[in-house]
Amino acid sequence: MSARAEPKYAWLGRAAIEAILIVFAVVLGFIVNEWREDVADRRAANSALVRIAEEMEANANALRQVVGYHETVAERVGEAIARIERGEVPEDGVLFDVLPSILTRGIQEPRLTSVAWDYASARGDLDPVEYTLIADIALIYVAQQGGADATWRAIADTFFGSVESLETQPLIPRLRLMQFAFTELAAQERYLIGLYDRQIEDVRAALE
C-alpha cells in the first residue's frame, strides 16, 4: 500500500512546485512589463522636459533680443512728449507721422512659442513628472500668454490697427498711453526672462 502511495505524493509535490513556478513566472512577467512601461514613460517624460527646456531657452533669448529696444522705445516716447510740452512741436498731429522716429524697428514682437509644452501636455508625457515642477512650468506659460504676448498684441491693435492713428488729434494722450504700454511690455519681458532662467535650471536638475 505504501508503495502505491509514494508516486501519488511525489506527483502532487511536483504539481505544487510547477504551479508555484507558473504563478511566479506570471507575477514576474507583470513586474517586468510594469518596469518596462515605467522606463518608457520616464524616457518620454525626460524627452518632453528636454524639449520644454529648449523652448523656454529659445523664448528667453527671443526676449533678450527685444527687451532693450522696447525700453528704448518707451524712452523715445517720453522724449517726444517732452518736446511737445516744451512747445518745440505742435500738440496736435497725426500719430503715424510721429512713430517712424520712435519705432525705428517697428514693434518687434517677441515671437514666443508654447509648442513643446502644448504637445507634451496633450500626449500626457509629463504624467510621471513631479507635480510641483509641472505646476511651475504651467504658470510660466500662463504668464507668457497673458503677459508679453497679450501686451504686444494690444499695442499692435491700439496704435497700428486703429484709424485714430491716422487722424489729426492731440498727441500727448496717445503718446502717454504708448509709453505706458511699452514700459509694461519691457517689464513683463524682464520678468519672464527671470522666470525662464530659473525654471530651466529646475527642469535640467530634474533630468539628472
C-alpha atoms as a PDB file:
ATOM      1  CA  MET A   1       0.000   0.000   0.000  1.00  0.00           C
ATOM      2  CA  SER A   2       2.774   2.392   0.834  1.00  0.00           C
ATOM      3  CA  ALA A   3       4.482   1.514  -2.464  1.00  0.00           C
ATOM      4  CA  ARG A   4       1.425   2.742  -4.360  1.00  0.00           C
ATOM      5  CA  ALA A   5       1.118   5.925  -2.254  1.00  0.00           C
ATOM      6  CA  GLU A   6       4.641   7.176  -2.898  1.00  0.00           C
ATOM      7  CA  PRO A   7       4.216   8.032  -6.604  1.00  0.00           C
ATOM      8  CA  LYS A   8       0.950   9.803  -5.813  1.00  0.00           C
ATOM      9  CA  TYR A   9       2.520  12.049  -3.226  1.00  0.00           C
ATOM     10  CA  ALA A  10       5.547  12.645  -5.454  1.00  0.00           C
ATOM     11  CA  TRP A  11       3.265  13.746  -8.310  1.00  0.00           C
ATOM     12  CA  LEU A  12       1.384  16.118  -6.019  1.00  0.00           C
ATOM     13  CA  GLY A  13       4.668  17.635  -4.931  1.00  0.00           C
ATOM     14  CA  ARG A  14       5.805  18.186  -8.489  1.00  0.00           C
ATOM     15  CA  ALA A  15       2.411  19.644  -9.392  1.00  0.00           C
ATOM     16  CA  ALA A  16       2.605  22.058  -6.492  1.00  0.00           C
ATOM     17  CA  ILE A  17       6.103  23.140  -7.486  1.00  0.00           C
ATOM     18  CA  GLU A  18       5.049  23.613 -11.109  1.00  0.00           C
ATOM     19  CA  ALA A  19       2.018  25.650 -10.020  1.00  0.00           C
ATOM     20  CA  ILE A  20       4.217  27.854  -7.856  1.00  0.00           C
ATOM     21  CA  LEU A  21       6.647  28.329 -10.750  1.00  0.00           C
ATOM     22  CA  ILE A  22       3.805  29.276 -13.108  1.00  0.00           C
ATOM     23  CA  VAL A  23       2.433  31.833 -10.653  1.00  0.00           C
ATOM     24  CA  PHE A  24       5.921  33.184 -10.086  1.00  0.00           C
ATOM     25  CA  ALA A  25       6.504  33.472 -13.856  1.00  0.00           C
ATOM     26  CA  VAL A  26       3.183  35.317 -14.335  1.00  0.00           C
ATOM     27  CA  VAL A  27       3.885  37.705 -11.467  1.00  0.00           C
ATOM     28  CA  LEU A  28       7.433  38.242 -12.702  1.00  0.00           C
ATOM     29  CA  GLY A  29       6.071  38.944 -16.183  1.00  0.00           C
ATOM     30  CA  PHE A  30       3.710  41.583 -14.773  1.00  0.00           C
ATOM     31  CA  ILE A  31       6.558  43.152 -12.809  1.00  0.00           C
ATOM     32  CA  VAL A  32       8.863  43.224 -15.836  1.00  0.00           C
ATOM     33  CA  ASN A  33       6.150  44.688 -18.069  1.00  0.00           C
ATOM     34  CA  GLU A  34       5.343  47.330 -15.484  1.00  0.00           C
ATOM     35  CA  TRP A  35       9.038  48.159 -15.134  1.00  0.00           C
ATOM     36  CA  ARG A  36       9.383  48.461 -18.906  1.00  0.00           C
ATOM     37  CA  GLU A  37       6.339  50.749 -19.071  1.00  0.00           C
ATOM     38  CA  ASP A  38       7.739  52.879 -16.249  1.00  0.00           C
ATOM     39  CA  VAL A  39      11.082  53.139 -18.057  1.00  0.00           C
ATOM     40  CA  ALA A  40       9.345  54.060 -21.328  1.00  0.00           C
ATOM     41  CA  ASP A  41       7.156  56.643 -19.553  1.00  0.00           C
ATOM     42  CA  ARG A  42      10.189  58.131 -17.832  1.00  0.00           C
ATOM     43  CA  ARG A  43      12.093  58.352 -21.112  1.00  0.00           C
ATOM     44  CA  ALA A  44       9.110  60.076 -22.746  1.00  0.00           C
ATOM     45  CA  ALA A  45       8.886  62.477 -19.804  1.00  0.00           C
ATOM     46  CA  ASN A  46      12.606  63.250 -19.966  1.00  0.00           C
ATOM     47  CA  SER A  47      12.423  63.864 -23.717  1.00  0.00           C
ATOM     48  CA  ALA A  48       9.447  66.181 -23.182  1.00  0.00           C
ATOM     49  CA  LEU A  49      11.289  68.072 -20.432  1.00  0.00           C
ATOM     50  CA  VAL A  50      14.334  68.484 -22.668  1.00  0.00           C
ATOM     51  CA  ARG A  51      12.166  69.952 -25.427  1.00  0.00           C
ATOM     52  CA  ILE A  52      10.396  72.252 -22.967  1.00  0.00           C
ATOM     53  CA  ALA A  53      13.715  73.469 -21.546  1.00  0.00           C
ATOM     54  CA  GLU A  54      14.962  74.157 -25.083  1.00  0.00           C
ATOM     55  CA  GLU A  55      11.742  76.015 -25.889  1.00  0.00           C
ATOM     56  CA  MET A  56      11.974  78.146 -22.748  1.00  0.00           C
ATOM     57  CA  GLU A  57      15.606  78.915 -23.524  1.00  0.00           C
ATOM     58  CA  ALA A  58      14.668  79.979 -27.063  1.00  0.00           C
ATOM     59  CA  ASN A  59      11.862  82.151 -25.681  1.00  0.00           C
ATOM     60  CA  ALA A  60      14.210  83.765 -23.167  1.00  0.00           C
ATOM     61  CA  ASN A  61      16.742  84.505 -25.928  1.00  0.00           C
ATOM     62  CA  ALA A  62      13.982  85.992 -28.089  1.00  0.00           C
ATOM     63  CA  LEU A  63      13.029  88.292 -25.226  1.00  0.00           C
ATOM     64  CA  ARG A  64      16.642  89.336 -24.649  1.00  0.00           C
ATOM     65  CA  GLN A  65      16.862  90.443 -28.270  1.00  0.00           C
ATOM     66  CA  VAL A  66      13.902  92.835 -27.999  1.00  0.00           C
ATOM     67  CA  VAL A  67      13.594  93.965 -24.381  1.00  0.00           C
ATOM     68  CA  GLY A  68      16.305  96.634 -24.690  1.00  0.00           C
ATOM     69  CA  TYR A  69      14.666  98.004 -27.821  1.00  0.00           C
ATOM     70  CA  HIS A  70      11.272  98.206 -26.097  1.00  0.00           C
ATOM     71  CA  GLU A  71      12.834 100.096 -23.191  1.00  0.00           C
ATOM     72  CA  THR A  72      14.395 102.483 -25.709  1.00  0.00           C
ATOM     73  CA  VAL A  73      11.007 102.985 -27.399  1.00  0.00           C
ATOM     74  CA  ALA A  74       9.468 103.953 -24.050  1.00  0.00           C
ATOM     75  CA  GLU A  75      12.278 106.482 -23.545  1.00  0.00           C
ATOM     76  CA  ARG A  76      11.821 107.934 -27.038  1.00  0.00           C
ATOM     77  CA  VAL A  77       8.091 108.347 -26.441  1.00  0.00           C
ATOM     78  CA  GLY A  78       8.907 110.233 -23.254  1.00  0.00           C
ATOM     79  CA  GLU A  79      11.276 112.499 -25.198  1.00  0.00           C
ATOM     80  CA  ALA A  80       8.546 113.154 -27.818  1.00  0.00           C
ATOM     81  CA  ILE A  81       6.123 114.120 -25.040  1.00  0.00           C
ATOM     82  CA  ALA A  82       8.721 116.445 -23.519  1.00  0.00           C
ATOM     83  CA  ARG A  83       9.260 118.201 -26.864  1.00  0.00           C
ATOM     84  CA  ILE A  84       5.522 118.818 -27.189  1.00  0.00           C
ATOM     85  CA  GLU A  85       5.303 120.112 -23.614  1.00  0.00           C
ATOM     86  CA  ARG A  86       8.204 122.487 -24.279  1.00  0.00           C
ATOM     87  CA  GLY A  87       6.370 123.821 -27.325  1.00  0.00           C
ATOM     88  CA  GLU A  88       9.017 122.629 -29.776  1.00  0.00           C
ATOM     89  CA  VAL A  89       6.396 120.741 -31.855  1.00  0.00           C
ATOM     90  CA  PRO A  90       2.615 121.186 -32.188  1.00  0.00           C
ATOM     91  CA  GLU A  91       0.321 119.487 -29.688  1.00  0.00           C
ATOM     92  CA  ASP A  92      -1.981 118.213 -32.436  1.00  0.00           C
ATOM     93  CA  GLY A  93      -0.808 115.921 -35.195  1.00  0.00           C
ATOM     94  CA  VAL A  94      -1.074 112.518 -36.836  1.00  0.00           C
ATOM     95  CA  LEU A  95       0.395 109.775 -34.662  1.00  0.00           C
ATOM     96  CA  PHE A  96       1.610 107.818 -37.694  1.00  0.00           C
ATOM     97  CA  ASP A  97       3.765 110.817 -38.651  1.00  0.00           C
ATOM     98  CA  VAL A  98       5.481 110.712 -35.241  1.00  0.00           C
ATOM     99  CA  LEU A  99       6.017 106.948 -34.979  1.00  0.00           C
ATOM    100  CA  PRO A 100       8.841 106.427 -37.536  1.00  0.00           C
ATOM    101  CA  SER A 101      11.357 108.302 -35.361  1.00  0.00           C
ATOM    102  CA  ILE A 102      10.193 106.387 -32.263  1.00  0.00           C
ATOM    103  CA  LEU A 103       9.611 102.855 -33.555  1.00  0.00           C
ATOM    104  CA  THR A 104      12.663 102.612 -35.782  1.00  0.00           C
ATOM    105  CA  ARG A 105      12.345  98.806 -35.899  1.00  0.00           C
ATOM    106  CA  GLY A 106       8.590  98.515 -35.639  1.00  0.00           C
ATOM    107  CA  ILE A 107       7.018  96.756 -32.668  1.00  0.00           C
ATOM    108  CA  GLN A 108       9.484  93.832 -32.652  1.00  0.00           C
ATOM    109  CA  GLU A 109       7.147  91.276 -31.095  1.00  0.00           C
ATOM    110  CA  PRO A 110       8.947  88.614 -29.023  1.00  0.00           C
ATOM    111  CA  ARG A 111       7.555  85.640 -31.053  1.00  0.00           C
ATOM    112  CA  LEU A 112       7.261  83.317 -28.071  1.00  0.00           C
ATOM    113  CA  THR A 113       6.163  79.718 -28.601  1.00  0.00           C
ATOM    114  CA  SER A 114       4.497  77.024 -26.480  1.00  0.00           C
ATOM    115  CA  VAL A 115       4.580  74.111 -28.944  1.00  0.00           C
ATOM    116  CA  ALA A 116       6.710  71.778 -26.792  1.00  0.00           C
ATOM    117  CA  TRP A 117       4.597  72.434 -23.705  1.00  0.00           C
ATOM    118  CA  ASP A 118       1.269  72.043 -25.521  1.00  0.00           C
ATOM    119  CA  TYR A 119       2.416  68.843 -27.261  1.00  0.00           C
ATOM    120  CA  ALA A 120       3.684  67.197 -24.077  1.00  0.00           C
ATOM    121  CA  SER A 121       0.563  68.185 -22.142  1.00  0.00           C
ATOM    122  CA  ALA A 122      -1.772  66.845 -24.825  1.00  0.00           C
ATOM    123  CA  ARG A 123       0.062  63.485 -25.013  1.00  0.00           C
ATOM    124  CA  GLY A 124       0.336  63.040 -21.251  1.00  0.00           C
ATOM    125  CA  ASP A 125       4.119  62.695 -21.486  1.00  0.00           C
ATOM    126  CA  LEU A 126       4.556  64.679 -18.284  1.00  0.00           C
ATOM    127  CA  ASP A 127       2.411  62.413 -16.086  1.00  0.00           C
ATOM    128  CA  PRO A 128       5.440  60.791 -14.356  1.00  0.00           C
ATOM    129  CA  VAL A 129       6.976  64.188 -13.537  1.00  0.00           C
ATOM    130  CA  GLU A 130       6.656  65.672 -10.048  1.00  0.00           C
ATOM    131  CA  TYR A 131       3.504  67.777  -9.789  1.00  0.00           C
ATOM    132  CA  THR A 132       5.194  70.864  -8.329  1.00  0.00           C
ATOM    133  CA  LEU A 133       7.582  71.080 -11.290  1.00  0.00           C
ATOM    134  CA  ILE A 134       4.728  70.790 -13.804  1.00  0.00           C
ATOM    135  CA  ALA A 135       2.727  73.420 -11.922  1.00  0.00           C
ATOM    136  CA  ASP A 136       5.671  75.837 -12.011  1.00  0.00           C
ATOM    137  CA  ILE A 137       6.172  75.308 -15.750  1.00  0.00           C
ATOM    138  CA  ALA A 138       2.451  75.764 -16.409  1.00  0.00           C
ATOM    139  CA  LEU A 139       2.441  79.086 -14.545  1.00  0.00           C
ATOM    140  CA  ILE A 140       5.272  80.366 -16.743  1.00  0.00           C
ATOM    141  CA  TYR A 141       3.358  79.583 -19.928  1.00  0.00           C
ATOM    142  CA  VAL A 142       0.255  81.257 -18.473  1.00  0.00           C
ATOM    143  CA  ALA A 143       2.346  84.336 -17.663  1.00  0.00           C
ATOM    144  CA  GLN A 144       3.795  84.226 -21.183  1.00  0.00           C
ATOM    145  CA  GLN A 145       0.399  84.137 -22.851  1.00  0.00           C
ATOM    146  CA  GLY A 146      -1.306  86.653 -20.582  1.00  0.00           C
ATOM    147  CA  GLY A 147       1.713  88.949 -20.279  1.00  0.00           C
ATOM    148  CA  ALA A 148       4.125  89.814 -23.067  1.00  0.00           C
ATOM    149  CA  ASP A 149       2.118  88.071 -25.803  1.00  0.00           C
ATOM    150  CA  ALA A 150      -1.091  89.882 -24.876  1.00  0.00           C
ATOM    151  CA  THR A 151       0.615  93.252 -24.401  1.00  0.00           C
ATOM    152  CA  TRP A 152       2.353  93.450 -27.780  1.00  0.00           C
ATOM    153  CA  ARG A 153      -0.873  92.383 -29.498  1.00  0.00           C
ATOM    154  CA  ALA A 154      -2.710  95.154 -27.653  1.00  0.00           C
ATOM    155  CA  ILE A 155      -0.031  97.615 -28.808  1.00  0.00           C
ATOM    156  CA  ALA A 156      -0.445  96.482 -32.416  1.00  0.00           C
ATOM    157  CA  ASP A 157      -4.233  96.765 -32.251  1.00  0.00           C
ATOM    158  CA  THR A 158      -4.257 100.111 -30.451  1.00  0.00           C
ATOM    159  CA  PHE A 159      -1.629 102.007 -32.417  1.00  0.00           C
ATOM    160  CA  PHE A 160      -1.439 100.212 -35.758  1.00  0.00           C
ATOM    161  CA  GLY A 161      -4.881  98.720 -36.178  1.00  0.00           C
ATOM    162  CA  SER A 162      -6.835 101.843 -35.307  1.00  0.00           C
ATOM    163  CA  VAL A 163      -7.901 104.651 -37.649  1.00  0.00           C
ATOM    164  CA  GLU A 164      -7.278 107.123 -34.825  1.00  0.00           C
ATOM    165  CA  SER A 165      -3.562 106.844 -35.530  1.00  0.00           C
ATOM    166  CA  LEU A 166      -4.237 108.297 -38.986  1.00  0.00           C
ATOM    167  CA  GLU A 167      -6.282 111.246 -37.755  1.00  0.00           C
ATOM    168  CA  THR A 168      -5.131 114.659 -36.531  1.00  0.00           C
ATOM    169  CA  GLN A 169      -5.660 114.819 -32.775  1.00  0.00           C
ATOM    170  CA  PRO A 170      -3.922 115.786 -29.524  1.00  0.00           C
ATOM    171  CA  LEU A 171      -0.772 113.672 -29.428  1.00  0.00           C
ATOM    172  CA  ILE A 172       0.139 113.665 -25.736  1.00  0.00           C
ATOM    173  CA  PRO A 173      -2.694 111.354 -24.541  1.00  0.00           C
ATOM    174  CA  ARG A 174      -1.901 108.774 -27.206  1.00  0.00           C
ATOM    175  CA  LEU A 175       1.834 109.045 -26.605  1.00  0.00           C
ATOM    176  CA  ARG A 176       1.399 108.631 -22.856  1.00  0.00           C
ATOM    177  CA  LEU A 177      -0.657 105.505 -23.489  1.00  0.00           C
ATOM    178  CA  MET A 178       2.071 104.201 -25.795  1.00  0.00           C
ATOM    179  CA  GLN A 179       4.785 104.973 -23.268  1.00  0.00           C
ATOM    180  CA  PHE A 180       2.909 103.073 -20.570  1.00  0.00           C
ATOM    181  CA  ALA A 181       2.307 100.122 -22.937  1.00  0.00           C
ATOM    182  CA  PHE A 182       5.970  99.752 -23.926  1.00  0.00           C
ATOM    183  CA  THR A 183       7.156 100.251 -20.340  1.00  0.00           C
ATOM    184  CA  GLU A 184       4.778  97.499 -19.256  1.00  0.00           C
ATOM    185  CA  LEU A 185       5.858  95.256 -22.138  1.00  0.00           C
ATOM    186  CA  ALA A 186       9.538  95.621 -21.258  1.00  0.00           C
ATOM    187  CA  ALA A 187       8.822  94.938 -17.574  1.00  0.00           C
ATOM    188  CA  GLN A 188       6.899  91.788 -18.470  1.00  0.00           C
ATOM    189  CA  GLU A 189       9.742  90.660 -20.704  1.00  0.00           C
ATOM    190  CA  ARG A 190      12.334  91.171 -17.960  1.00  0.00           C
ATOM    191  CA  TYR A 191      10.106  89.253 -15.541  1.00  0.00           C
ATOM    192  CA  LEU A 192       9.653  86.380 -17.984  1.00  0.00           C
ATOM    193  CA  ILE A 193      13.381  86.150 -18.663  1.00  0.00           C
ATOM    194  CA  GLY A 194      13.978  85.690 -14.927  1.00  0.00           C
ATOM    195  CA  LEU A 195      11.252  83.037 -14.706  1.00  0.00           C
ATOM    196  CA  TYR A 196      12.624  81.170 -17.707  1.00  0.00           C
ATOM    197  CA  ASP A 197      16.191  81.165 -16.423  1.00  0.00           C
ATOM    198  CA  ARG A 198      15.199  79.801 -13.002  1.00  0.00           C
ATOM    199  CA  GLN A 199      12.806  77.224 -14.416  1.00  0.00           C
ATOM    200  CA  ILE A 200      15.298  75.943 -16.990  1.00  0.00           C
ATOM    201  CA  GLU A 201      17.690  75.149 -14.123  1.00  0.00           C
ATOM    202  CA  ASP A 202      14.942  73.270 -12.244  1.00  0.00           C
ATOM    203  CA  VAL A 203      13.960  71.268 -15.343  1.00  0.00           C
ATOM    204  CA  ARG A 204      17.527  70.260 -16.111  1.00  0.00           C
ATOM    205  CA  ALA A 205      18.097  69.328 -12.479  1.00  0.00           C
ATOM    206  CA  ALA A 206      15.079  67.005 -12.696  1.00  0.00           C
ATOM    207  CA  LEU A 207      16.763  65.206 -15.593  1.00  0.00           C
ATOM    208  CA  GLU A 208      19.900  64.361 -13.625  1.00  0.00           C
END
